[in-house]
Amino acid sequence: MNLKGKHVIIVGEREGIPGPAIEACMRSAGAEPVLVQTQCFV
């Protein structure tokens, strides 16, 4: 997937996939994260 030049908002989940892990994937695809958070959904 080529996301070069795209801005992304990332919301990770504490018990699932955390935001920084998703951020690393998005950066490797060429995206530019503008907001990264890890939330706890109950």
C-alpha atoms as a PDB file:
ATOM      1  CA  MET A   1       0.000   0.000   0.000  1.00  0.00           C
ATOM      2  CA  ASN A   2       1.441   3.360  -0.993  1.00  0.00           C
ATOM      3  CA  LEU A   3       0.421   6.177   1.323  1.00  0.00           C
ATOM      4  CA  LYS A   4       3.216   8.548   0.326  1.00  0.00           C
ATOM      5  CA  GLY A   5       2.324  12.115   1.236  1.00  0.00           C
ATOM      6  CA  LYS A   6      -0.920  11.214   3.022  1.00  0.00           C
ATOM      7  CA  HIS A   7      -1.674  12.487   6.534  1.00  0.00           C
ATOM      8  CA  VAL A   8      -3.106   9.919   8.949  1.00  0.00           C
ATOM      9  CA  ILE A   9      -4.741   9.967  12.376  1.00  0.00           C
ATOM     10  CA  ILE A  10      -3.993   6.835  14.388  1.00  0.00           C
ATOM     11  CA  VAL A  11      -5.994   5.520  17.339  1.00  0.00           C
ATOM     12  CA  GLY A  12      -4.531   2.361  18.846  1.00  0.00           C
ATOM     13  CA  GLU A  13      -5.991   0.194  21.578  1.00  0.00           C
ATOM     14  CA  ARG A  14      -4.237  -0.618  24.845  1.00  0.00           C
ATOM     15  CA  GLU A  15      -5.127  -4.329  24.905  1.00  0.00           C
ATOM     16  CA  GLY A  16      -4.786  -4.705  21.128  1.00  0.00           C
ATOM     17  CA  ILE A  17      -2.404  -2.899  18.794  1.00  0.00           C
ATOM     18  CA  PRO A  18      -0.915   0.258  20.378  1.00  0.00           C
ATOM     19  CA  GLY A  19      -0.672   3.534  18.464  1.00  0.00           C
ATOM     20  CA  PRO A  20       3.141   3.566  18.109  1.00  0.00           C
ATOM     21  CA  ALA A  21       3.081   0.145  16.408  1.00  0.00           C
ATOM     22  CA  ILE A  22       0.510   1.363  13.877  1.00  0.00           C
ATOM     23  CA  GLU A  23       2.556   4.551  13.438  1.00  0.00           C
ATOM     24  CA  ALA A  24       5.636   2.521  12.475  1.00  0.00           C
ATOM     25  CA  CYS A  25       3.620   0.650   9.822  1.00  0.00           C
ATOM     26  CA  MET A  26       2.134   3.849   8.432  1.00  0.00           C
ATOM     27  CA  ARG A  27       5.546   5.547   8.246  1.00  0.00           C
ATOM     28  CA  SER A  28       6.988   2.554   6.376  1.00  0.00           C
ATOM     29  CA  ALA A  29       4.132   2.921   3.850  1.00  0.00           C
ATOM     30  CA  GLY A  30       5.056   6.594   3.348  1.00  0.00           C
ATOM     31  CA  ALA A  31       2.298   8.234   5.410  1.00  0.00           C
ATOM     32  CA  GLU A  32       2.833  11.152   7.775  1.00  0.00           C
ATOM     33  CA  PRO A  33       1.115  10.629  11.157  1.00  0.00           C
ATOM     34  CA  VAL A  34      -0.355  13.864  12.497  1.00  0.00           C
ATOM     35  CA  LEU A  35      -1.943  12.394  15.651  1.00  0.00           C
ATOM     36  CA  VAL A  36      -1.080   9.149  17.446  1.00  0.00           C
ATOM     37  CA  GLN A  37      -2.984   7.977  20.526  1.00  0.00           C
ATOM     38  CA  THR A  38      -3.457   4.753  22.422  1.00  0.00           C
ATOM     39  CA  GLN A  39      -6.844   4.475  24.126  1.00  0.00           C
ATOM     40  CA  CYS A  40      -8.456   2.024  26.510  1.00  0.00           C
ATOM     41  CA  PHE A  41     -11.906   0.975  25.337  1.00  0.00           C
ATOM     42  CA  VAL A  42     -14.103  -0.668  27.968  1.00  0.00           C
END
